[in-house]
PDB file of N, CA and C in Angstrom:
ATOM      1  N   UNK A   1      84.373 140.256 239.887  1.00  0.00           N
ATOM      2  CA  UNK A   1      85.752 139.579 239.906  1.00  0.00           C
ATOM      3  C   UNK A   1      86.782 140.990 239.076  1.00  0.00           C
ATOM      4  N   UNK A   2      87.781 140.835 239.885  1.00  0.00           N
ATOM      5  CA  UNK A   2      89.007 141.789 239.711  1.00  0.00           C
ATOM      6  C   UNK A   2      89.807 141.337 238.061  1.00  0.00           C
ATOM      7  N   UNK A   3      89.945 142.735 237.667  1.00  0.00           N
ATOM      8  CA  UNK A   3      90.552 142.480 236.306  1.00  0.00           C
ATOM      9  C   UNK A   3      92.094 141.634 236.246  1.00  0.00           C
ATOM     10  N   UNK A   4      92.686 141.266 235.617  1.00  0.00           N
ATOM     11  CA  UNK A   4      93.837 140.661 235.544  1.00  0.00           C
ATOM     12  C   UNK A   4      94.831 142.097 235.278  1.00  0.00           C
ATOM     13  N   UNK A   5      95.835 141.664 236.253  1.00  0.00           N
ATOM     14  CA  UNK A   5      96.875 142.894 236.289  1.00  0.00           C
ATOM     15  C   UNK A   5      97.806 142.242 235.715  1.00  0.00           C
ATOM     16  N   UNK A   6      99.165 143.067 235.258  1.00  0.00           N
ATOM     17  CA  UNK A   6     100.532 142.757 234.790  1.00  0.00           C
ATOM     18  C   UNK A   6     101.338 143.775 235.897  1.00  0.00           C
ATOM     19  N   UNK A   7     102.414 142.882 236.279  1.00  0.00           N
ATOM     20  CA  UNK A   7     103.474 143.981 237.079  1.00  0.00           C
ATOM     21  C   UNK A   7     104.797 143.568 236.318  1.00  0.00           C
ATOM     22  N   UNK A   8     105.368 144.532 236.639  1.00  0.00           N
ATOM     23  CA  UNK A   8     106.701 144.799 236.457  1.00  0.00           C
ATOM     24  C   UNK A   8     107.422 145.634 237.116  1.00  0.00           C
ATOM     25  N   UNK A   9     108.556 145.236 237.554  1.00  0.00           N
ATOM     26  CA  UNK A   9     109.612 145.761 238.558  1.00  0.00           C
ATOM     27  C   UNK A   9     111.021 145.979 237.845  1.00  0.00           C
ATOM     28  N   UNK A  10     111.769 147.105 238.354  1.00  0.00           N
ATOM     29  CA  UNK A  10     113.173 146.966 238.153  1.00  0.00           C
ATOM     30  C   UNK A  10     114.054 146.663 239.423  1.00  0.00           C
ATOM     31  N   UNK A  11     115.302 146.389 239.391  1.00  0.00           N
ATOM     32  CA  UNK A  11     115.836 145.900 240.337  1.00  0.00           C
ATOM     33  C   UNK A  11     117.529 145.838 240.062  1.00  0.00           C
ATOM     34  N   UNK A  12     118.153 145.940 241.584  1.00  0.00           N
ATOM     35  CA  UNK A  12     119.829 146.231 240.931  1.00  0.00           C
ATOM     36  C   UNK A  12     120.249 144.930 241.861  1.00  0.00           C
ATOM     37  N   UNK A  13     121.428 144.436 241.110  1.00  0.00           N
ATOM     38  CA  UNK A  13     121.559 143.120 241.625  1.00  0.00           C
ATOM     39  C   UNK A  13     123.208 143.029 241.857  1.00  0.00           C
ATOM     40  N   UNK A  14     123.761 143.289 243.037  1.00  0.00           N
ATOM     41  CA  UNK A  14     125.144 143.425 243.492  1.00  0.00           C
ATOM     42  C   UNK A  14     125.675 142.218 243.477  1.00  0.00           C
ATOM     43  N   UNK A  15     126.633 141.713 242.440  1.00  0.00           N
ATOM     44  CA  UNK A  15     127.314 140.762 242.482  1.00  0.00           C
ATOM     45  C   UNK A  15     129.106 140.520 242.521  1.00  0.00           C
ATOM     46  N   UNK A  16     129.558 139.667 243.662  1.00  0.00           N
ATOM     47  CA  UNK A  16     131.052 139.663 243.376  1.00  0.00           C
ATOM     48  C   UNK A  16     131.569 139.198 241.931  1.00  0.00           C
ATOM     49  N   UNK A  17     132.696 140.174 241.425  1.00  0.00           N
ATOM     50  CA  UNK A  17     133.371 140.276 240.423  1.00  0.00           C
ATOM     51  C   UNK A  17     133.389 138.891 239.880  1.00  0.00           C
ATOM     52  N   UNK A  18     134.020 137.950 240.549  1.00  0.00           N
ATOM     53  CA  UNK A  18     134.256 136.586 240.087  1.00  0.00           C
ATOM     54  C   UNK A  18     133.462 135.972 239.750  1.00  0.00           C
ATOM     55  N   UNK A  19     132.082 136.457 240.360  1.00  0.00           N
ATOM     56  CA  UNK A  19     130.934 135.720 239.973  1.00  0.00           C
ATOM     57  C   UNK A  19     129.638 136.218 238.728  1.00  0.00           C
ATOM     58  N   UNK A  20     130.515 137.323 238.356  1.00  0.00           N
ATOM     59  CA  UNK A  20     129.384 138.231 237.541  1.00  0.00           C
ATOM     60  C   UNK A  20     129.182 137.009 235.850  1.00  0.00           C
ATOM     61  N   UNK A  21     130.200 136.525 235.312  1.00  0.00           N
ATOM     62  CA  UNK A  21     130.131 135.959 234.051  1.00  0.00           C
ATOM     63  C   UNK A  21     128.426 134.868 234.351  1.00  0.00           C
ATOM     64  N   UNK A  22     128.818 134.258 235.776  1.00  0.00           N
ATOM     65  CA  UNK A  22     128.016 133.152 235.899  1.00  0.00           C
ATOM     66  C   UNK A  22     126.680 133.643 235.991  1.00  0.00           C
ATOM     67  N   UNK A  23     126.518 134.320 237.034  1.00  0.00           N
ATOM     68  CA  UNK A  23     125.275 134.750 237.399  1.00  0.00           C
ATOM     69  C   UNK A  23     124.207 135.486 236.313  1.00  0.00           C
ATOM     70  N   UNK A  24     125.311 136.574 235.670  1.00  0.00           N
ATOM     71  CA  UNK A  24     124.258 137.232 234.241  1.00  0.00           C
ATOM     72  C   UNK A  24     123.786 136.037 233.532  1.00  0.00           C
ATOM     73  N   UNK A  25     124.509 134.987 233.372  1.00  0.00           N
ATOM     74  CA  UNK A  25     124.013 133.936 232.833  1.00  0.00           C
ATOM     75  C   UNK A  25     122.594 133.352 233.026  1.00  0.00           C
ATOM     76  N   UNK A  26     122.720 132.969 234.518  1.00  0.00           N
ATOM     77  CA  UNK A  26     121.868 132.705 235.160  1.00  0.00           C
ATOM     78  C   UNK A  26     120.793 132.971 235.141  1.00  0.00           C
ATOM     79  N   UNK A  27     120.537 134.519 235.307  1.00  0.00           N
ATOM     80  CA  UNK A  27     119.609 135.657 235.148  1.00  0.00           C
ATOM     81  C   UNK A  27     119.012 135.627 233.810  1.00  0.00           C
ATOM     82  N   UNK A  28     119.945 135.668 232.875  1.00  0.00           N
ATOM     83  CA  UNK A  28     119.472 135.836 231.532  1.00  0.00           C
ATOM     84  C   UNK A  28     118.390 134.509 230.937  1.00  0.00           C
ATOM     85  N   UNK A  29     118.278 133.664 231.735  1.00  0.00           N
ATOM     86  CA  UNK A  29     117.982 132.560 231.567  1.00  0.00           C
ATOM     87  C   UNK A  29     116.372 132.184 232.453  1.00  0.00           C
ATOM     88  N   UNK A  30     116.408 133.460 233.235  1.00  0.00           N
ATOM     89  CA  UNK A  30     115.250 133.038 234.020  1.00  0.00           C
ATOM     90  C   UNK A  30     114.152 133.966 233.486  1.00  0.00           C
ATOM     91  N   UNK A  31     112.589 132.862 233.217  1.00  0.00           N
ATOM     92  CA  UNK A  31     111.640 133.806 232.612  1.00  0.00           C
ATOM     93  C   UNK A  31     110.966 135.001 233.174  1.00  0.00           C
ATOM     94  N   UNK A  32     110.500 135.951 232.516  1.00  0.00           N
ATOM     95  CA  UNK A  32     110.377 136.983 232.967  1.00  0.00           C
ATOM     96  C   UNK A  32     111.359 138.049 233.586  1.00  0.00           C
ATOM     97  N   UNK A  33     112.534 137.975 233.223  1.00  0.00           N
ATOM     98  CA  UNK A  33     113.558 138.824 233.710  1.00  0.00           C
ATOM     99  C   UNK A  33     114.523 138.997 232.519  1.00  0.00           C
ATOM    100  N   UNK A  34     114.974 140.322 232.428  1.00  0.00           N
ATOM    101  CA  UNK A  34     115.589 140.811 231.360  1.00  0.00           C
ATOM    102  C   UNK A  34     116.494 141.660 232.106  1.00  0.00           C
ATOM    103  N   UNK A  35     118.246 141.149 231.157  1.00  0.00           N
ATOM    104  CA  UNK A  35     118.665 142.593 232.016  1.00  0.00           C
ATOM    105  C   UNK A  35     119.144 143.631 230.946  1.00  0.00           C
ATOM    106  N   UNK A  36     119.530 145.135 231.812  1.00  0.00           N
ATOM    107  CA  UNK A  36     119.281 146.236 230.445  1.00  0.00           C
ATOM    108  C   UNK A  36     120.584 146.938 231.096  1.00  0.00           C
ATOM    109  N   UNK A  37     121.593 146.137 231.718  1.00  0.00           N
ATOM    110  CA  UNK A  37     122.803 146.992 232.009  1.00  0.00           C
ATOM    111  C   UNK A  37     123.464 146.390 233.077  1.00  0.00           C
ATOM    112  N   UNK A  38     124.756 147.245 233.833  1.00  0.00           N
ATOM    113  CA  UNK A  38     125.304 147.209 234.593  1.00  0.00           C
ATOM    114  C   UNK A  38     126.736 147.624 234.486  1.00  0.00           C
ATOM    115  N   UNK A  39     127.150 146.995 235.344  1.00  0.00           N
ATOM    116  CA  UNK A  39     129.106 147.474 235.513  1.00  0.00           C
ATOM    117  C   UNK A  39     129.667 146.308 235.874  1.00  0.00           C
ATOM    118  N   UNK A  40     131.019 146.347 236.490  1.00  0.00           N
ATOM    119  CA  UNK A  40     131.807 145.076 237.083  1.00  0.00           C
ATOM    120  C   UNK A  40     130.852 144.278 238.102  1.00  0.00           C
ATOM    121  N   UNK A  41     130.290 145.099 239.289  1.00  0.00           N
ATOM    122  CA  UNK A  41     129.383 144.259 240.231  1.00  0.00           C
ATOM    123  C   UNK A  41     128.340 144.494 240.433  1.00  0.00           C
ATOM    124  N   UNK A  42     127.644 145.383 239.401  1.00  0.00           N
ATOM    125  CA  UNK A  42     126.048 145.538 239.373  1.00  0.00           C
ATOM    126  C   UNK A  42     125.348 145.318 238.395  1.00  0.00           C
ATOM    127  N   UNK A  43     123.898 144.429 238.208  1.00  0.00           N
ATOM    128  CA  UNK A  43     123.392 144.527 237.015  1.00  0.00           C
ATOM    129  C   UNK A  43     122.223 144.981 237.209  1.00  0.00           C
ATOM    130  N   UNK A  44     121.567 145.840 236.307  1.00  0.00           N
ATOM    131  CA  UNK A  44     120.073 146.464 236.498  1.00  0.00           C
ATOM    132  C   UNK A  44     118.913 145.725 235.334  1.00  0.00           C
ATOM    133  N   UNK A  45     118.112 144.778 236.231  1.00  0.00           N
ATOM    134  CA  UNK A  45     116.942 144.064 235.541  1.00  0.00           C
ATOM    135  C   UNK A  45     115.609 144.444 235.554  1.00  0.00           C
ATOM    136  N   UNK A  46     114.938 144.168 234.706  1.00  0.00           N
ATOM    137  CA  UNK A  46     113.686 144.105 234.868  1.00  0.00           C
ATOM    138  C   UNK A  46     112.851 142.720 235.127  1.00  0.00           C
ATOM    139  N   UNK A  47     111.529 142.554 236.165  1.00  0.00           N
ATOM    140  CA  UNK A  47     111.373 141.467 236.395  1.00  0.00           C
ATOM    141  C   UNK A  47     109.402 141.912 235.940  1.00  0.00           C
ATOM    142  N   UNK A  48     108.865 141.022 235.114  1.00  0.00           N
ATOM    143  CA  UNK A  48     107.734 141.107 234.918  1.00  0.00           C
ATOM    144  C   UNK A  48     106.903 139.811 235.246  1.00  0.00           C
ATOM    145  N   UNK A  49     105.662 139.957 235.445  1.00  0.00           N
ATOM    146  CA  UNK A  49     104.448 138.754 236.060  1.00  0.00           C
ATOM    147  C   UNK A  49     103.541 139.373 236.400  1.00  0.00           C
ATOM    148  N   UNK A  50     102.131 137.949 236.720  1.00  0.00           N
ATOM    149  CA  UNK A  50     101.355 138.255 236.688  1.00  0.00           C
ATOM    150  C   UNK A  50     100.337 138.680 238.290  1.00  0.00           C
ATOM    151  N   UNK A  51     101.887 139.149 238.995  1.00  0.00           N
ATOM    152  CA  UNK A  51     101.259 139.520 240.751  1.00  0.00           C
ATOM    153  C   UNK A  51     102.611 139.959 241.378  1.00  0.00           C
ATOM    154  N   UNK A  52     102.075 140.690 242.328  1.00  0.00           N
ATOM    155  CA  UNK A  52     103.523 141.083 243.279  1.00  0.00           C
ATOM    156  C   UNK A  52     104.213 139.723 243.601  1.00  0.00           C
ATOM    157  N   UNK A  53     103.887 138.878 243.984  1.00  0.00           N
ATOM    158  CA  UNK A  53     104.229 137.445 244.638  1.00  0.00           C
ATOM    159  C   UNK A  53     105.234 136.985 243.690  1.00  0.00           C
ATOM    160  N   UNK A  54     104.905 136.964 242.428  1.00  0.00           N
ATOM    161  CA  UNK A  54     105.528 136.127 241.555  1.00  0.00           C
ATOM    162  C   UNK A  54     106.922 137.107 241.334  1.00  0.00           C
ATOM    163  N   UNK A  55     106.776 138.643 241.561  1.00  0.00           N
ATOM    164  CA  UNK A  55     108.209 139.431 241.191  1.00  0.00           C
ATOM    165  C   UNK A  55     108.876 139.116 242.526  1.00  0.00           C
ATOM    166  N   UNK A  56     108.451 138.989 243.519  1.00  0.00           N
ATOM    167  CA  UNK A  56     109.174 138.682 244.850  1.00  0.00           C
ATOM    168  C   UNK A  56     109.714 137.264 244.724  1.00  0.00           C
ATOM    169  N   UNK A  57     108.980 136.462 244.359  1.00  0.00           N
ATOM    170  CA  UNK A  57     109.534 134.974 244.247  1.00  0.00           C
ATOM    171  C   UNK A  57     111.111 135.088 243.205  1.00  0.00           C
ATOM    172  N   UNK A  58     110.722 135.892 241.888  1.00  0.00           N
ATOM    173  CA  UNK A  58     111.870 135.481 241.513  1.00  0.00           C
ATOM    174  C   UNK A  58     113.256 136.267 241.848  1.00  0.00           C
ATOM    175  N   UNK A  59     112.841 137.692 242.407  1.00  0.00           N
ATOM    176  CA  UNK A  59     113.874 138.275 243.185  1.00  0.00           C
ATOM    177  C   UNK A  59     114.548 137.635 244.000  1.00  0.00           C
ATOM    178  N   UNK A  60     113.720 136.625 245.153  1.00  0.00           N
ATOM    179  CA  UNK A  60     114.334 135.585 245.987  1.00  0.00           C
ATOM    180  C   UNK A  60     115.223 134.784 245.210  1.00  0.00           C
ATOM    181  N   UNK A  61     114.798 134.259 244.230  1.00  0.00           N
ATOM    182  CA  UNK A  61     115.636 133.316 243.368  1.00  0.00           C
ATOM    183  C   UNK A  61     117.232 133.985 243.246  1.00  0.00           C
ATOM    184  N   UNK A  62     116.735 135.160 242.574  1.00  0.00           N
ATOM    185  CA  UNK A  62     117.946 135.888 242.286  1.00  0.00           C
ATOM    186  C   UNK A  62     118.910 135.966 243.352  1.00  0.00           C
ATOM    187  N   UNK A  63     118.328 136.180 244.511  1.00  0.00           N
ATOM    188  CA  UNK A  63     119.354 136.848 245.820  1.00  0.00           C
ATOM    189  C   UNK A  63     119.641 135.807 246.470  1.00  0.00           C
ATOM    190  N   UNK A  64     119.372 134.458 246.036  1.00  0.00           N
ATOM    191  CA  UNK A  64     120.054 133.237 246.957  1.00  0.00           C
ATOM    192  C   UNK A  64     121.038 132.426 245.576  1.00  0.00           C
ATOM    193  N   UNK A  65     121.475 133.301 244.590  1.00  0.00           N
ATOM    194  CA  UNK A  65     122.410 132.312 243.754  1.00  0.00           C
ATOM    195  C   UNK A  65     123.770 132.497 244.368  1.00  0.00           C
ATOM    196  N   UNK A  66     124.558 132.155 244.058  1.00  0.00           N
ATOM    197  CA  UNK A  66     125.977 131.958 244.312  1.00  0.00           C
ATOM    198  C   UNK A  66     126.574 133.357 243.835  1.00  0.00           C
ATOM    199  N   UNK A  67     127.434 133.919 244.655  1.00  0.00           N
ATOM    200  CA  UNK A  67     127.897 134.770 244.344  1.00  0.00           C
ATOM    201  C   UNK A  67     127.049 136.739 243.957  1.00  0.00           C
ATOM    202  N   UNK A  68     125.606 136.368 244.497  1.00  0.00           N
ATOM    203  CA  UNK A  68     124.949 137.410 244.416  1.00  0.00           C
ATOM    204  C   UNK A  68     124.900 137.957 246.229  1.00  0.00           C
ATOM    205  N   UNK A  69     125.585 139.335 246.220  1.00  0.00           N
ATOM    206  CA  UNK A  69     125.389 139.977 247.631  1.00  0.00           C
ATOM    207  C   UNK A  69     124.231 140.277 247.914  1.00  0.00           C
ATOM    208  N   UNK A  70     123.390 141.067 246.717  1.00  0.00           N
ATOM    209  CA  UNK A  70     122.045 141.599 247.170  1.00  0.00           C
ATOM    210  C   UNK A  70     121.400 141.841 246.050  1.00  0.00           C
ATOM    211  N   UNK A  71     119.971 141.352 246.070  1.00  0.00           N
ATOM    212  CA  UNK A  71     119.217 141.987 244.806  1.00  0.00           C
ATOM    213  C   UNK A  71     118.085 142.777 245.326  1.00  0.00           C
ATOM    214  N   UNK A  72     117.825 144.150 244.767  1.00  0.00           N
ATOM    215  CA  UNK A  72     116.869 144.960 245.752  1.00  0.00           C
ATOM    216  C   UNK A  72     116.238 145.728 244.678  1.00  0.00           C
ATOM    217  N   UNK A  73     114.843 145.310 244.812  1.00  0.00           N
ATOM    218  CA  UNK A  73     113.692 145.964 244.130  1.00  0.00           C
ATOM    219  C   UNK A  73     114.030 147.241 244.247  1.00  0.00           C
ATOM    220  N   UNK A  74     113.530 148.140 242.999  1.00  0.00           N
ATOM    221  CA  UNK A  74     114.085 149.454 243.305  1.00  0.00           C
ATOM    222  C   UNK A  74     112.491 150.037 243.044  1.00  0.00           C
ATOM    223  N   UNK A  75     111.807 149.676 241.691  1.00  0.00           N
ATOM    224  CA  UNK A  75     110.430 150.089 241.732  1.00  0.00           C
ATOM    225  C   UNK A  75     109.479 149.014 241.264  1.00  0.00           C
ATOM    226  N   UNK A  76     108.112 149.221 241.382  1.00  0.00           N
ATOM    227  CA  UNK A  76     107.442 148.671 240.633  1.00  0.00           C
ATOM    228  C   UNK A  76     105.889 149.164 240.203  1.00  0.00           C
ATOM    229  N   UNK A  77     105.223 148.696 239.207  1.00  0.00           N
ATOM    230  CA  UNK A  77     104.312 149.363 238.421  1.00  0.00           C
ATOM    231  C   UNK A  77     103.413 147.812 237.733  1.00  0.00           C
ATOM    232  N   UNK A  78     102.106 148.319 238.329  1.00  0.00           N
ATOM    233  CA  UNK A  78     100.932 147.455 238.029  1.00  0.00           C
ATOM    234  C   UNK A  78     100.322 147.726 237.034  1.00  0.00           C
ATOM    235  N   UNK A  79      99.486 147.431 236.331  1.00  0.00           N
ATOM    236  CA  UNK A  79      98.224 147.937 235.326  1.00  0.00           C
ATOM    237  C   UNK A  79      97.215 146.956 234.864  1.00  0.00           C
ATOM    238  N   UNK A  80      95.967 147.024 234.771  1.00  0.00           N
ATOM    239  CA  UNK A  80      95.439 146.019 234.163  1.00  0.00           C
ATOM    240  C   UNK A  80      95.576 145.822 232.524  1.00  0.00           C
ATOM    241  N   UNK A  81      95.283 144.639 232.381  1.00  0.00           N
ATOM    242  CA  UNK A  81      95.827 144.195 231.172  1.00  0.00           C
ATOM    243  C   UNK A  81      95.496 144.815 229.973  1.00  0.00           C
ATOM    244  N   UNK A  82      93.950 144.942 230.294  1.00  0.00           N
ATOM    245  CA  UNK A  82      93.421 146.009 229.311  1.00  0.00           C
ATOM    246  C   UNK A  82      93.923 147.407 228.966  1.00  0.00           C
ATOM    247  N   UNK A  83      94.753 147.852 229.736  1.00  0.00           N
ATOM    248  CA  UNK A  83      95.207 149.229 229.462  1.00  0.00           C
ATOM    249  C   UNK A  83      96.791 148.759 228.401  1.00  0.00           C
ATOM    250  N   UNK A  84      97.103 147.545 228.826  1.00  0.00           N
ATOM    251  CA  UNK A  84      98.353 147.334 227.908  1.00  0.00           C
ATOM    252  C   UNK A  84      98.031 147.484 226.390  1.00  0.00           C
ATOM    253  N   UNK A  85      98.883 147.966 225.487  1.00  0.00           N
ATOM    254  CA  UNK A  85      98.412 148.409 224.010  1.00  0.00           C
ATOM    255  C   UNK A  85      98.675 146.944 223.478  1.00  0.00           C
ATOM    256  N   UNK A  86      98.087 146.597 222.553  1.00  0.00           N
ATOM    257  CA  UNK A  86      97.945 145.197 221.743  1.00  0.00           C
ATOM    258  C   UNK A  86      99.494 145.287 221.274  1.00  0.00           C
ATOM    259  N   UNK A  87     100.019 144.384 221.106  1.00  0.00           N
ATOM    260  CA  UNK A  87     101.302 144.090 219.897  1.00  0.00           C
ATOM    261  C   UNK A  87     101.019 144.202 218.842  1.00  0.00           C
ATOM    262  N   UNK A  88     101.680 144.834 217.876  1.00  0.00           N
ATOM    263  CA  UNK A  88     101.333 144.580 216.502  1.00  0.00           C
ATOM    264  C   UNK A  88     101.814 143.147 215.698  1.00  0.00           C
ATOM    265  N   UNK A  89     100.750 142.659 215.118  1.00  0.00           N
ATOM    266  CA  UNK A  89     101.280 141.264 214.296  1.00  0.00           C
ATOM    267  C   UNK A  89     101.484 141.341 212.873  1.00  0.00           C
TER     268      UNK A  89
END
């Protein structure tokens, strides 16, 4: 049985200037998505999930938002969950 894997990708989201505030708010509400920066028409985000399909589905969801011109994956990484360090409690 394959070990569970955790996937993370980065993406650039290009947005019309007049829709930036609304798109930023919608993206910030998505589970597994974090905004790391941007400018007047672009957002830099990371997407995390249990599979490449999960990441692709989330990217498609972003791409279909009103005001989004393009959402393009830039990088993807996956590792077995046992390789991930345990968080401190």
